[in-house]
Amino acid sequence: MSFIPSFKIGNTVTHNQIIDEFQCGNMGGMRRSKTTNTLVLISDHTKGLYDDKWYNDILHYTGMGKIGDQDINFSQNKTLTQSNTNGVDVHLFEVLVPHNYIYLGPVKLCGEPYKEEQTDDDNNLRSVWMFPLCIKEGDILIDEEAFSKYEAISENKAKTLSLEKLKQRAHENQSSKVASRSVKSEAYIRNPYVAEYTKRIAKGFCQLCDQEAPFKDTKDNPYLETHHIKWLSEGGEDTLENTTALCPNCHRKMHILNQKADIEILKKKALAGVSYESVCSSN
């Protein structure tokens, strides 16, 4: 009988919870448990050694072995290779943010293992085994916020490298096939009248830099984007007092820097827009 963990698919758990639940070891990305007859796989994107990639809904998981060429018959590589016939249940966890293990559920091999070149722990190019894995049940949707944090961590790591090291990593990891993920996010239903009014009274000018919209849309209207001064994700209201019209550059700036001085400018512009509304109403 297959082992059924208490974790729900999509749950974020700790390292110790995985060990206690599956009765497995505490080291490595491939952990065999004879007690529960399972193989626990951990795809940790926060560590730079293994280069696991998602292509649509298939995870191409890097095999076991940190130094030199990997052997498909070594330890848990062999277990995973034979997992569709050996009766061992394979369960997958993914780490996007350090110490947060997302349970993706039972997985199975959905293609033949193949070889790829990656660098080892000594920074030498070597041959590794890649295992194409499919989720057995449920949708593979990850939290957009967690994925954004992962991207930010990856970008910050890249910024710390020398130009020579960065070029090396770029050559090693470039690919003609682009990895992809499906993410889940909370959609906010914005009031179209608030958005349109805010852009209309801006009269084609960004309310932060005061420059004319950089181009016109297909209907010959100045292109500006609606921005909520206090972000909706942080409890901001979808009101005229909290909404302003920005050029794409300033909109991006607010979501990256969100500086207090700029916030104050936008608050004044938004209040001026409300005052303009009052004048229009009285006329």
Protein backbone atom coordinates (compact mmCIF):
# COMPACT_ATOMS: atom_id res chain seq x y z
CA MET A 1 0.00 0.00 0.00
CA SER A 2 1.33 3.44 -0.95
CA PHE A 3 2.39 5.84 1.78
CA ILE A 4 0.10 8.87 2.05
CA PRO A 5 1.65 11.84 3.89
CA SER A 6 -0.42 14.22 5.97
CA PHE A 7 0.81 17.18 3.88
CA LYS A 8 -1.58 18.68 1.37
CA ILE A 9 -0.25 19.51 -2.08
CA GLY A 10 0.88 23.14 -1.99
CA ASN A 11 1.65 23.12 1.77
CA THR A 12 4.88 24.84 2.81
CA VAL A 13 6.66 22.81 5.50
CA THR A 14 9.96 22.77 7.37
CA HIS A 15 12.97 20.52 6.90
CA ASN A 16 12.29 18.72 10.18
CA GLN A 17 8.67 18.08 9.23
CA ILE A 18 9.82 16.27 6.08
CA ILE A 19 12.20 14.09 8.10
CA ASP A 20 9.54 13.25 10.70
CA GLU A 21 6.81 12.59 8.15
CA PHE A 22 8.74 10.37 5.74
CA GLN A 23 11.24 8.92 8.23
CA CYS A 24 14.05 9.81 5.83
CA GLY A 25 17.57 11.18 6.20
CA ASN A 26 18.43 14.82 6.70
CA MET A 27 21.01 15.30 3.93
CA GLY A 28 20.94 15.66 0.16
CA GLY A 29 18.29 16.19 -2.44
CA MET A 30 17.41 12.48 -2.88
CA ARG A 31 16.41 10.70 0.34
CA ARG A 32 15.35 7.05 0.45
CA SER A 33 13.16 5.84 3.30
CA LYS A 34 12.68 2.10 3.67
CA THR A 35 10.30 2.71 6.59
CA THR A 36 7.73 4.45 4.37
CA ASN A 37 9.02 2.91 1.10
CA THR A 38 9.45 6.37 -0.42
CA LEU A 39 12.04 8.45 -2.22
CA VAL A 40 11.91 12.12 -1.23
CA LEU A 41 13.23 14.54 -3.85
CA ILE A 42 14.08 18.13 -2.98
CA SER A 43 14.55 20.59 -5.82
CA ASP A 44 16.29 23.48 -4.06
CA HIS A 45 16.65 26.46 -6.38
CA THR A 46 18.34 28.52 -3.68
CA LYS A 47 21.50 26.42 -3.95
CA GLY A 48 23.68 26.91 -6.99
CA LEU A 49 25.02 23.41 -7.64
CA TYR A 50 22.15 21.58 -9.33
CA ASP A 51 20.35 23.11 -12.28
CA ASP A 52 16.81 21.71 -12.19
CA LYS A 53 14.52 23.19 -14.85
CA TRP A 54 10.78 23.25 -15.46
CA TYR A 55 9.54 23.01 -19.02
CA ASN A 56 5.79 23.55 -18.82
CA ASP A 57 4.62 20.90 -16.30
CA ILE A 58 7.70 18.67 -16.45
CA LEU A 59 10.58 19.06 -14.00
CA HIS A 60 13.96 18.01 -15.36
CA TYR A 61 15.59 16.96 -12.10
CA THR A 62 19.37 16.64 -11.70
CA GLY A 63 20.63 13.31 -10.38
CA MET A 64 22.77 12.48 -7.36
CA GLY A 65 26.51 13.14 -7.18
CA LYS A 66 28.38 16.39 -6.48
CA ILE A 67 31.83 15.63 -7.91
CA GLY A 68 32.70 14.25 -11.35
CA ASP A 69 30.45 12.49 -13.84
CA GLN A 70 27.28 11.03 -12.37
CA ASP A 71 26.50 7.32 -12.57
CA ILE A 72 22.88 6.38 -13.29
CA ASN A 73 23.34 3.17 -11.28
CA PHE A 74 24.68 5.00 -8.22
CA SER A 75 22.56 4.99 -5.05
CA GLN A 76 19.25 6.86 -5.45
CA ASN A 77 19.84 7.56 -9.14
CA LYS A 78 19.14 3.85 -9.65
CA THR A 79 16.09 4.01 -7.35
CA LEU A 80 14.62 6.90 -9.32
CA THR A 81 15.44 5.28 -12.66
CA GLN A 82 13.47 2.17 -11.65
CA SER A 83 10.74 3.98 -9.69
CA ASN A 84 7.97 3.25 -12.19
CA THR A 85 8.44 -0.48 -11.60
CA ASN A 86 10.16 -0.97 -8.22
CA GLY A 87 7.17 0.00 -6.05
CA VAL A 88 8.92 2.98 -4.43
CA ASP A 89 6.72 6.10 -4.20
CA VAL A 90 8.49 9.33 -5.18
CA HIS A 91 7.49 12.61 -3.51
CA LEU A 92 8.70 16.05 -4.59
CA PHE A 93 9.43 19.19 -2.59
CA GLU A 94 10.57 22.49 -4.07
CA VAL A 95 12.47 25.32 -2.38
CA LEU A 96 12.21 28.84 -3.82
CA VAL A 97 12.81 30.72 -0.59
CA PRO A 98 15.42 29.37 1.88
CA HIS A 99 13.98 26.96 4.49
CA ASN A 100 10.51 26.92 2.88
CA TYR A 101 9.75 23.47 1.39
CA ILE A 102 6.70 23.42 -0.89
CA TYR A 103 5.12 19.97 -1.19
CA LEU A 104 4.25 19.25 -4.84
CA GLY A 105 3.01 15.72 -4.21
CA PRO A 106 3.79 12.31 -5.74
CA VAL A 107 5.69 12.34 -9.03
CA LYS A 108 6.63 9.78 -11.68
CA LEU A 109 9.17 9.48 -14.46
CA CYS A 110 7.52 10.64 -17.68
CA GLY A 111 10.48 10.18 -20.00
CA GLU A 112 13.82 8.47 -20.29
CA PRO A 113 16.67 9.90 -18.16
CA TYR A 114 19.26 11.68 -20.31
CA LYS A 115 22.70 13.24 -19.92
CA GLU A 116 23.55 16.93 -19.70
CA GLU A 117 26.67 18.92 -18.85
CA GLN A 118 26.78 20.97 -15.63
CA THR A 119 29.53 22.14 -13.28
CA ASP A 120 30.33 20.10 -10.17
CA ASP A 121 31.22 21.13 -6.61
CA ASP A 122 34.80 21.84 -7.73
CA ASN A 123 33.52 24.06 -10.54
CA ASN A 124 34.56 21.54 -13.22
CA LEU A 125 32.30 20.71 -16.15
CA ARG A 126 30.91 17.19 -15.83
CA SER A 127 28.16 14.89 -17.14
CA VAL A 128 24.98 14.64 -15.05
CA TRP A 129 21.78 12.62 -15.37
CA MET A 130 18.50 14.47 -15.83
CA PHE A 131 15.19 12.86 -14.84
CA PRO A 132 11.95 14.16 -16.44
CA LEU A 133 9.30 14.13 -13.70
CA CYS A 134 5.53 14.70 -13.87
CA ILE A 135 3.22 15.50 -10.99
CA LYS A 136 0.74 12.66 -10.55
CA GLU A 137 -2.18 14.74 -9.31
CA GLY A 138 -3.32 18.35 -9.10
CA ASP A 139 -2.22 21.51 -10.87
CA ILE A 140 1.35 22.72 -10.60
CA LEU A 141 0.75 26.31 -9.57
CA ILE A 142 3.26 28.05 -7.34
CA ASP A 143 2.68 31.20 -5.33
CA GLU A 144 3.54 34.32 -7.32
CA GLU A 145 5.00 36.05 -4.26
CA ALA A 146 7.34 33.12 -3.53
CA PHE A 147 8.43 33.00 -7.16
CA SER A 148 9.10 36.75 -7.16
CA LYS A 149 11.27 36.35 -4.05
CA TYR A 150 13.17 33.53 -5.76
CA GLU A 151 13.78 35.71 -8.83
CA ALA A 152 15.01 38.58 -6.64
CA ILE A 153 17.41 36.25 -4.76
CA SER A 154 18.74 34.91 -8.07
CA GLU A 155 19.22 38.41 -9.48
CA ASN A 156 21.06 39.54 -6.36
CA LYS A 157 23.38 36.52 -6.56
CA ALA A 158 24.19 37.36 -10.16
CA LYS A 159 25.04 40.94 -9.21
CA THR A 160 27.73 39.74 -6.77
CA LEU A 161 29.72 37.89 -9.47
CA SER A 162 32.69 39.30 -11.35
CA LEU A 163 32.23 39.91 -15.07
CA GLU A 164 34.40 36.87 -15.87
CA LYS A 165 32.43 34.60 -13.53
CA LEU A 166 29.16 36.01 -14.79
CA LYS A 167 30.15 35.24 -18.39
CA GLN A 168 31.06 31.68 -17.38
CA ARG A 169 27.73 31.12 -15.63
CA ALA A 170 25.83 32.66 -18.56
CA HIS A 171 27.52 30.29 -21.03
CA GLU A 172 26.92 27.26 -18.78
CA ASN A 173 23.23 27.99 -18.22
CA GLN A 174 22.09 29.45 -21.52
CA SER A 175 19.62 27.33 -23.45
CA SER A 176 17.66 27.49 -26.69
CA LYS A 177 14.72 26.05 -24.74
CA VAL A 178 13.26 28.50 -22.25
CA ALA A 179 12.18 27.19 -18.85
CA SER A 180 8.67 28.14 -17.75
CA ARG A 181 6.42 27.98 -14.68
CA SER A 182 2.73 28.45 -13.98
CA VAL A 183 2.11 30.73 -11.01
CA LYS A 184 -0.99 31.50 -9.01
CA SER A 185 -1.81 34.99 -7.86
CA GLU A 186 -4.67 36.92 -6.33
CA ALA A 187 -6.39 39.06 -8.96
CA TYR A 188 -7.68 42.45 -7.87
CA ILE A 189 -10.76 43.68 -9.74
CA ARG A 190 -10.02 47.35 -10.32
CA ASN A 191 -12.79 49.88 -10.90
CA PRO A 192 -12.52 50.82 -14.62
CA TYR A 193 -14.20 54.19 -14.03
CA VAL A 194 -11.69 55.21 -11.37
CA ALA A 195 -8.83 54.17 -13.66
CA GLU A 196 -10.18 55.93 -16.73
CA TYR A 197 -11.04 59.13 -14.86
CA THR A 198 -7.56 59.26 -13.33
CA LYS A 199 -5.93 58.92 -16.75
CA ARG A 200 -8.36 61.35 -18.39
CA ILE A 201 -7.66 64.25 -16.03
CA ALA A 202 -3.91 63.68 -16.37
CA LYS A 203 -4.38 64.99 -19.96
CA GLY A 204 -1.61 62.83 -21.37
CA PHE A 205 1.07 63.77 -18.82
CA CYS A 206 2.70 61.54 -16.21
CA GLN A 207 1.78 62.74 -12.73
CA LEU A 208 5.24 62.02 -11.34
CA CYS A 209 7.79 63.22 -13.91
CA ASP A 210 5.33 65.65 -15.63
CA GLN A 211 6.48 64.43 -19.02
CA GLU A 212 4.15 63.69 -21.92
CA ALA A 213 3.12 60.06 -22.38
CA PRO A 214 5.90 58.26 -24.31
CA PHE A 215 3.55 57.04 -27.08
CA LYS A 216 -0.08 56.68 -28.07
CA ASP A 217 -2.08 53.46 -28.05
CA THR A 218 -3.87 51.91 -31.02
CA LYS A 219 -6.82 54.28 -30.48
CA ASP A 220 -4.54 57.34 -30.54
CA ASN A 221 -4.86 57.94 -26.78
CA PRO A 222 -1.78 58.91 -24.71
CA TYR A 223 -0.46 55.77 -23.03
CA LEU A 224 -0.41 56.07 -19.23
CA GLU A 225 -0.79 53.39 -16.56
CA THR A 226 -2.97 53.53 -13.46
CA HIS A 227 -1.04 53.28 -10.18
CA HIS A 228 -2.38 52.88 -6.65
CA ILE A 229 -0.32 55.04 -4.31
CA LYS A 230 -0.83 52.61 -1.44
CA TRP A 231 -0.65 49.27 -3.21
CA LEU A 232 -3.79 47.12 -3.31
CA SER A 233 -1.70 44.19 -2.05
CA GLU A 234 -0.97 46.25 1.08
CA GLY A 235 -4.57 47.22 1.74
CA GLY A 236 -4.77 50.30 -0.49
CA GLU A 237 -8.20 51.46 -1.65
CA ASP A 238 -9.40 51.63 -5.23
CA THR A 239 -10.40 55.29 -4.89
CA LEU A 240 -9.61 58.55 -6.67
CA GLU A 241 -7.59 59.71 -3.64
CA ASN A 242 -5.34 56.64 -3.97
CA THR A 243 -5.05 56.48 -7.75
CA THR A 244 -2.77 58.28 -10.16
CA ALA A 245 -1.66 58.06 -13.82
CA LEU A 246 2.00 57.34 -14.61
CA CYS A 247 4.19 56.73 -17.61
CA PRO A 248 5.55 53.15 -17.78
CA ASN A 249 8.99 54.24 -16.56
CA CYS A 250 7.69 56.03 -13.46
CA HIS A 251 5.22 53.22 -12.77
CA ARG A 252 8.11 50.75 -12.72
CA LYS A 253 10.11 53.13 -10.53
CA MET A 254 7.33 53.26 -7.94
CA HIS A 255 7.10 49.47 -7.77
CA ILE A 256 10.84 49.10 -7.36
CA LEU A 257 11.75 52.08 -5.13
CA ASN A 258 8.46 53.50 -3.82
CA GLN A 259 10.28 56.48 -2.36
CA LYS A 260 8.54 58.64 0.25
CA ALA A 261 9.15 61.89 -1.66
CA ASP A 262 7.50 60.45 -4.78
CA ILE A 263 4.58 59.12 -2.73
CA GLU A 264 3.95 62.62 -1.34
CA ILE A 265 3.98 64.12 -4.85
CA LEU A 266 1.45 61.57 -6.04
CA LYS A 267 -0.80 62.08 -3.03
CA LYS A 268 -0.98 65.83 -3.79
CA LYS A 269 -1.71 65.16 -7.46
CA ALA A 270 -4.44 62.67 -6.54
CA LEU A 271 -6.07 65.18 -4.16
CA ALA A 272 -5.88 67.83 -6.88
CA GLY A 273 -7.72 65.40 -9.14
CA VAL A 274 -10.48 65.00 -6.54
CA SER A 275 -10.73 68.81 -6.29
CA TYR A 276 -11.01 68.94 -10.07
CA GLU A 277 -13.86 66.42 -9.79
CA SER A 278 -15.68 68.71 -7.34
CA VAL A 279 -15.36 71.67 -9.69
CA CYS A 280 -16.75 69.60 -12.57
CA SER A 281 -19.68 68.46 -10.44
CA SER A 282 -20.59 72.01 -9.39
CA ASN A 283 -20.62 73.10 -13.03
